[in-house]
Amino acid sequence: MKIKFNQMLKGALAIVAVFTFMSAGAQQIRPAANITGPLRVKSGSGNVTITSQMVADANATTTYTLSDNSSGATIVSKGNLVYNSSTGISTQTVVVNPGTSKGSFNIQLVVTSGGLSAESSKSVTIVK
């Protein structure tokens, strides 16, 4: 079956198609995260700063946890989430006390933005 459209109907379909494409382009982007910081820290050398970069909006929420923590590390503080609207990237720092024992810890980040979430983790080894 072949359907012929007149010029006016073709124009209306083009408008609908552009509107649909523009609407699809405005959909929520899935967040992404990356954690950077030292791989090894000397025991007793003081707190360690961990930096996270995320593709997430200004209203994103972050949760940090420590696991496989044989060194006794603790999260000291979490900085404000700084959103760069020109790049769409948010940055946040976390200060960790690595503990006093030889061992390691794994810091994990979950970032939630627009109902979607992403995870990242980093292992740090504590040496004497």
N, C-alpha and C. Protein backbone atom coordinates (compact mmCIF):
# COMPACT_ATOMS: atom_id res chain seq x y z
N MET A 1 0.84 -1.17 0.00
CA MET A 1 0.00 0.00 0.00
C MET A 1 0.89 1.24 0.00
N LYS A 2 0.62 2.16 -0.90
CA LYS A 2 1.40 3.36 -1.03
C LYS A 2 0.55 4.55 -0.62
N ILE A 3 1.13 5.40 0.26
CA ILE A 3 0.38 6.57 0.74
C ILE A 3 1.10 7.81 0.22
N LYS A 4 0.32 8.75 -0.31
CA LYS A 4 0.88 10.00 -0.80
C LYS A 4 0.45 11.12 0.15
N PHE A 5 1.42 11.95 0.52
CA PHE A 5 1.13 13.08 1.39
C PHE A 5 1.20 14.36 0.58
N ASN A 6 0.31 15.29 0.89
CA ASN A 6 0.44 16.58 0.22
C ASN A 6 1.52 17.40 0.93
N GLN A 7 1.92 18.50 0.35
CA GLN A 7 3.03 19.31 0.86
C GLN A 7 2.74 19.81 2.27
N MET A 8 1.52 20.18 2.58
CA MET A 8 1.18 20.71 3.90
C MET A 8 1.36 19.63 4.97
N LEU A 9 0.92 18.43 4.68
CA LEU A 9 1.04 17.33 5.64
C LEU A 9 2.50 16.96 5.85
N LYS A 10 3.30 17.00 4.79
CA LYS A 10 4.73 16.72 4.93
C LYS A 10 5.37 17.70 5.89
N GLY A 11 5.02 18.99 5.79
CA GLY A 11 5.55 20.01 6.69
C GLY A 11 5.17 19.74 8.13
N ALA A 12 3.92 19.33 8.37
CA ALA A 12 3.46 19.05 9.72
C ALA A 12 4.20 17.84 10.29
N LEU A 13 4.45 16.83 9.48
CA LEU A 13 5.19 15.66 9.94
C LEU A 13 6.64 16.03 10.26
N ALA A 14 7.23 16.90 9.48
CA ALA A 14 8.59 17.33 9.74
C ALA A 14 8.67 18.06 11.08
N ILE A 15 7.69 18.90 11.39
CA ILE A 15 7.66 19.60 12.67
C ILE A 15 7.55 18.60 13.81
N VAL A 16 6.68 17.62 13.67
CA VAL A 16 6.53 16.60 14.71
C VAL A 16 7.82 15.82 14.87
N ALA A 17 8.47 15.48 13.75
CA ALA A 17 9.72 14.72 13.82
C ALA A 17 10.80 15.52 14.52
N VAL A 18 10.93 16.81 14.23
CA VAL A 18 11.93 17.66 14.88
C VAL A 18 11.62 17.77 16.36
N PHE A 19 10.37 17.97 16.72
CA PHE A 19 9.98 18.08 18.12
C PHE A 19 10.32 16.78 18.86
N THR A 20 10.03 15.65 18.25
CA THR A 20 10.33 14.36 18.88
C THR A 20 11.83 14.20 19.05
N PHE A 21 12.62 14.56 18.04
CA PHE A 21 14.06 14.44 18.13
C PHE A 21 14.61 15.36 19.21
N MET A 22 14.14 16.60 19.27
CA MET A 22 14.61 17.53 20.29
C MET A 22 14.23 17.04 21.68
N SER A 23 13.05 16.50 21.82
CA SER A 23 12.62 15.99 23.12
C SER A 23 13.49 14.80 23.53
N ALA A 24 13.81 13.95 22.57
CA ALA A 24 14.64 12.78 22.89
C ALA A 24 16.04 13.24 23.30
N GLY A 25 16.55 14.31 22.70
CA GLY A 25 17.86 14.82 23.04
C GLY A 25 17.92 15.41 24.44
N ALA A 26 16.80 15.77 25.01
CA ALA A 26 16.76 16.38 26.34
C ALA A 26 16.61 15.34 27.43
N GLN A 27 16.65 14.07 27.09
CA GLN A 27 16.49 13.03 28.10
C GLN A 27 17.65 13.05 29.08
N GLN A 28 17.39 12.50 30.26
CA GLN A 28 18.38 12.43 31.32
C GLN A 28 19.60 11.61 30.89
N ILE A 29 20.78 12.14 31.13
CA ILE A 29 22.01 11.42 30.84
C ILE A 29 22.37 10.57 32.04
N ARG A 30 22.72 9.33 31.80
CA ARG A 30 23.13 8.44 32.90
C ARG A 30 24.41 8.99 33.52
N PRO A 31 24.44 9.11 34.85
CA PRO A 31 25.66 9.62 35.48
C PRO A 31 26.83 8.65 35.33
N ALA A 32 28.02 9.19 35.46
CA ALA A 32 29.25 8.40 35.45
C ALA A 32 30.17 8.99 36.51
N ALA A 33 31.07 8.18 37.05
CA ALA A 33 31.95 8.66 38.12
C ALA A 33 33.34 8.07 37.99
N ASN A 34 34.33 8.83 38.49
CA ASN A 34 35.71 8.38 38.52
C ASN A 34 36.36 8.92 39.79
N ILE A 35 37.09 8.07 40.51
CA ILE A 35 37.77 8.47 41.74
C ILE A 35 39.27 8.47 41.48
N THR A 36 39.96 9.55 41.90
CA THR A 36 41.41 9.62 41.76
C THR A 36 42.04 9.94 43.12
N GLY A 37 43.27 9.54 43.28
CA GLY A 37 44.01 9.77 44.52
C GLY A 37 45.17 8.80 44.57
N PRO A 38 45.92 8.81 45.67
CA PRO A 38 47.10 7.95 45.75
C PRO A 38 46.75 6.47 45.81
N LEU A 39 47.65 5.65 45.28
CA LEU A 39 47.49 4.19 45.35
C LEU A 39 48.12 3.65 46.63
N ARG A 40 49.18 4.33 47.12
CA ARG A 40 49.88 3.91 48.33
C ARG A 40 50.07 5.12 49.23
N VAL A 41 49.92 4.87 50.53
CA VAL A 41 50.09 5.93 51.52
C VAL A 41 50.93 5.35 52.66
N LYS A 42 51.85 6.16 53.17
CA LYS A 42 52.67 5.72 54.30
C LYS A 42 51.87 5.91 55.59
N SER A 43 51.84 4.88 56.41
CA SER A 43 51.14 4.92 57.68
C SER A 43 51.66 6.10 58.52
N GLY A 44 50.74 6.84 59.12
CA GLY A 44 51.11 7.97 59.96
C GLY A 44 51.46 9.23 59.21
N SER A 45 51.27 9.24 57.89
CA SER A 45 51.64 10.43 57.09
C SER A 45 50.54 11.48 57.02
N GLY A 46 49.43 11.25 57.68
CA GLY A 46 48.35 12.23 57.69
C GLY A 46 47.21 11.86 56.76
N ASN A 47 46.25 12.75 56.70
CA ASN A 47 45.05 12.50 55.91
C ASN A 47 45.35 12.49 54.41
N VAL A 48 44.49 11.82 53.67
CA VAL A 48 44.61 11.67 52.23
C VAL A 48 43.39 12.32 51.57
N THR A 49 43.62 13.08 50.51
CA THR A 49 42.51 13.69 49.77
C THR A 49 42.22 12.84 48.54
N ILE A 50 40.96 12.44 48.43
CA ILE A 50 40.46 11.68 47.29
C ILE A 50 39.55 12.61 46.49
N THR A 51 39.72 12.65 45.17
CA THR A 51 38.90 13.51 44.32
C THR A 51 38.01 12.66 43.43
N SER A 52 36.77 13.07 43.32
CA SER A 52 35.81 12.39 42.45
C SER A 52 35.34 13.36 41.38
N GLN A 53 35.27 12.88 40.15
CA GLN A 53 34.67 13.64 39.06
C GLN A 53 33.49 12.84 38.54
N MET A 54 32.39 13.55 38.31
CA MET A 54 31.15 12.88 37.92
C MET A 54 30.48 13.60 36.78
N VAL A 55 29.89 12.84 35.87
CA VAL A 55 28.97 13.40 34.90
C VAL A 55 27.62 13.31 35.60
N ALA A 56 27.20 14.43 36.16
CA ALA A 56 25.97 14.47 36.95
C ALA A 56 25.52 15.91 37.06
N ASP A 57 24.24 16.12 37.30
CA ASP A 57 23.74 17.49 37.39
C ASP A 57 24.05 18.11 38.75
N ALA A 58 23.70 19.39 38.91
CA ALA A 58 24.00 20.13 40.13
C ALA A 58 23.25 19.59 41.34
N ASN A 59 22.19 18.83 41.12
CA ASN A 59 21.39 18.29 42.23
C ASN A 59 21.75 16.85 42.57
N ALA A 60 22.85 16.36 42.05
CA ALA A 60 23.27 14.98 42.31
C ALA A 60 23.56 14.77 43.79
N THR A 61 23.37 13.54 44.24
CA THR A 61 23.73 13.18 45.60
C THR A 61 24.85 12.15 45.55
N THR A 62 25.73 12.19 46.54
CA THR A 62 26.85 11.26 46.58
C THR A 62 26.89 10.55 47.92
N THR A 63 27.28 9.29 47.89
CA THR A 63 27.47 8.50 49.10
C THR A 63 28.81 7.79 48.99
N TYR A 64 29.66 7.98 50.00
CA TYR A 64 30.96 7.33 50.05
C TYR A 64 30.96 6.31 51.19
N THR A 65 31.54 5.14 50.94
CA THR A 65 31.70 4.13 51.97
C THR A 65 33.10 3.53 51.86
N LEU A 66 33.57 3.00 52.98
CA LEU A 66 34.85 2.29 53.01
C LEU A 66 34.57 0.82 53.20
N SER A 67 35.25 -0.02 52.42
CA SER A 67 35.10 -1.47 52.57
C SER A 67 36.48 -2.10 52.53
N ASP A 68 36.55 -3.39 52.86
CA ASP A 68 37.83 -4.10 52.90
C ASP A 68 38.87 -3.25 53.62
N ASN A 69 38.47 -2.73 54.76
CA ASN A 69 39.23 -1.72 55.49
C ASN A 69 40.08 -2.36 56.58
N SER A 70 41.25 -2.88 56.21
CA SER A 70 42.12 -3.53 57.19
C SER A 70 43.07 -2.55 57.88
N SER A 71 43.09 -1.29 57.45
CA SER A 71 44.00 -0.30 58.03
C SER A 71 43.33 0.57 59.09
N GLY A 72 42.02 0.46 59.23
CA GLY A 72 41.29 1.30 60.18
C GLY A 72 40.99 2.69 59.64
N ALA A 73 40.91 2.85 58.32
CA ALA A 73 40.64 4.15 57.69
C ALA A 73 39.25 4.66 58.06
N THR A 74 39.12 5.99 58.11
CA THR A 74 37.83 6.63 58.36
C THR A 74 37.68 7.83 57.42
N ILE A 75 36.45 8.13 57.08
CA ILE A 75 36.17 9.32 56.28
C ILE A 75 36.09 10.50 57.25
N VAL A 76 36.95 11.50 57.03
CA VAL A 76 37.02 12.67 57.90
C VAL A 76 36.01 13.72 57.46
N SER A 77 35.96 14.01 56.16
CA SER A 77 35.03 15.03 55.67
C SER A 77 34.75 14.81 54.19
N LYS A 78 33.64 15.40 53.77
CA LYS A 78 33.22 15.36 52.36
C LYS A 78 32.96 16.79 51.94
N GLY A 79 33.65 17.26 50.92
CA GLY A 79 33.48 18.63 50.45
C GLY A 79 32.19 18.81 49.68
N ASN A 80 31.89 20.06 49.37
CA ASN A 80 30.70 20.37 48.57
C ASN A 80 30.87 19.85 47.16
N LEU A 81 29.76 19.48 46.54
CA LEU A 81 29.74 19.07 45.15
C LEU A 81 29.79 20.35 44.31
N VAL A 82 30.81 20.47 43.48
CA VAL A 82 30.98 21.66 42.63
C VAL A 82 30.62 21.29 41.21
N TYR A 83 29.56 21.93 40.68
CA TYR A 83 29.05 21.62 39.34
C TYR A 83 29.53 22.67 38.35
N ASN A 84 30.11 22.22 37.23
CA ASN A 84 30.53 23.10 36.15
C ASN A 84 29.50 22.98 35.04
N SER A 85 28.66 23.99 34.89
CA SER A 85 27.56 23.91 33.91
C SER A 85 28.05 23.90 32.47
N SER A 86 29.24 24.42 32.20
CA SER A 86 29.72 24.42 30.82
C SER A 86 30.23 23.04 30.38
N THR A 87 30.69 22.23 31.33
CA THR A 87 31.18 20.89 30.98
C THR A 87 30.22 19.79 31.40
N GLY A 88 29.31 20.08 32.35
CA GLY A 88 28.40 19.07 32.87
C GLY A 88 29.08 18.12 33.84
N ILE A 89 30.26 18.50 34.32
CA ILE A 89 31.01 17.65 35.24
C ILE A 89 30.99 18.25 36.64
N SER A 90 30.72 17.39 37.62
CA SER A 90 30.76 17.79 39.02
C SER A 90 32.02 17.21 39.64
N THR A 91 32.60 17.96 40.59
CA THR A 91 33.80 17.52 41.28
C THR A 91 33.55 17.60 42.78
N GLN A 92 34.12 16.64 43.51
CA GLN A 92 33.98 16.63 44.96
C GLN A 92 35.23 15.99 45.56
N THR A 93 35.66 16.50 46.71
CA THR A 93 36.79 15.91 47.41
C THR A 93 36.32 15.28 48.71
N VAL A 94 37.01 14.22 49.09
CA VAL A 94 36.75 13.52 50.35
C VAL A 94 38.10 13.38 51.04
N VAL A 95 38.13 13.70 52.33
CA VAL A 95 39.35 13.55 53.11
C VAL A 95 39.22 12.28 53.92
N VAL A 96 40.24 11.41 53.83
CA VAL A 96 40.24 10.12 54.51
C VAL A 96 41.46 10.03 55.42
N ASN A 97 41.23 9.61 56.66
CA ASN A 97 42.33 9.26 57.54
C ASN A 97 42.63 7.80 57.23
N PRO A 98 43.83 7.47 56.74
CA PRO A 98 44.10 6.12 56.28
C PRO A 98 44.27 5.09 57.40
N GLY A 99 44.26 5.53 58.65
CA GLY A 99 44.44 4.59 59.76
C GLY A 99 45.89 4.45 60.13
N THR A 100 46.15 3.67 61.17
CA THR A 100 47.51 3.53 61.69
C THR A 100 48.10 2.15 61.43
N SER A 101 47.33 1.26 60.86
CA SER A 101 47.82 -0.10 60.62
C SER A 101 48.18 -0.30 59.16
N LYS A 102 49.18 -1.15 58.95
CA LYS A 102 49.51 -1.58 57.59
C LYS A 102 48.29 -2.34 57.06
N GLY A 103 47.94 -2.13 55.82
CA GLY A 103 46.78 -2.80 55.23
C GLY A 103 46.29 -2.04 54.03
N SER A 104 44.99 -1.96 53.88
CA SER A 104 44.41 -1.26 52.73
C SER A 104 42.96 -0.93 53.02
N PHE A 105 42.40 -0.10 52.16
CA PHE A 105 40.96 0.17 52.19
C PHE A 105 40.49 0.42 50.77
N ASN A 106 39.22 0.26 50.57
CA ASN A 106 38.58 0.52 49.29
C ASN A 106 37.53 1.60 49.53
N ILE A 107 37.63 2.71 48.82
CA ILE A 107 36.62 3.75 48.93
C ILE A 107 35.67 3.62 47.74
N GLN A 108 34.39 3.62 48.04
CA GLN A 108 33.36 3.44 47.01
C GLN A 108 32.47 4.67 46.96
N LEU A 109 32.12 5.07 45.78
CA LEU A 109 31.24 6.21 45.53
C LEU A 109 30.02 5.75 44.77
N VAL A 110 28.85 6.18 45.24
CA VAL A 110 27.62 6.03 44.47
C VAL A 110 27.10 7.43 44.24
N VAL A 111 26.94 7.81 42.97
CA VAL A 111 26.38 9.11 42.61
C VAL A 111 25.01 8.88 41.99
N THR A 112 24.02 9.65 42.47
CA THR A 112 22.66 9.55 41.96
C THR A 112 22.26 10.90 41.37
N SER A 113 21.75 10.86 40.15
CA SER A 113 21.36 12.08 39.45
C SER A 113 20.14 11.78 38.60
N GLY A 114 19.07 12.50 38.83
CA GLY A 114 17.86 12.31 38.03
C GLY A 114 17.27 10.92 38.15
N GLY A 115 17.44 10.27 39.29
CA GLY A 115 16.90 8.94 39.51
C GLY A 115 17.77 7.81 38.98
N LEU A 116 18.89 8.16 38.34
CA LEU A 116 19.84 7.16 37.84
C LEU A 116 21.08 7.21 38.70
N SER A 117 21.83 6.10 38.74
CA SER A 117 23.03 6.10 39.58
C SER A 117 24.21 5.44 38.87
N ALA A 118 25.40 5.76 39.39
CA ALA A 118 26.65 5.18 38.90
C ALA A 118 27.56 4.93 40.10
N GLU A 119 28.48 3.99 39.96
CA GLU A 119 29.39 3.65 41.04
C GLU A 119 30.83 3.70 40.54
N SER A 120 31.73 4.00 41.48
CA SER A 120 33.16 3.95 41.21
C SER A 120 33.85 3.58 42.51
N SER A 121 35.03 2.97 42.41
CA SER A 121 35.76 2.63 43.62
C SER A 121 37.26 2.74 43.37
N LYS A 122 38.01 2.83 44.47
CA LYS A 122 39.45 2.94 44.39
C LYS A 122 40.05 2.26 45.61
N SER A 123 41.09 1.46 45.40
CA SER A 123 41.80 0.81 46.50
C SER A 123 43.05 1.59 46.84
N VAL A 124 43.33 1.71 48.14
CA VAL A 124 44.52 2.40 48.62
C VAL A 124 45.23 1.45 49.58
N THR A 125 46.53 1.27 49.39
CA THR A 125 47.35 0.43 50.25
C THR A 125 48.11 1.29 51.24
N ILE A 126 48.10 0.89 52.50
CA ILE A 126 48.83 1.61 53.55
C ILE A 126 50.09 0.81 53.87
N VAL A 127 51.24 1.48 53.78
CA VAL A 127 52.52 0.83 54.04
C VAL A 127 53.15 1.47 55.28
N LYS A 128 54.03 0.73 55.95
CA LYS A 128 54.72 1.24 57.15
C LYS A 128 55.93 2.05 56.76
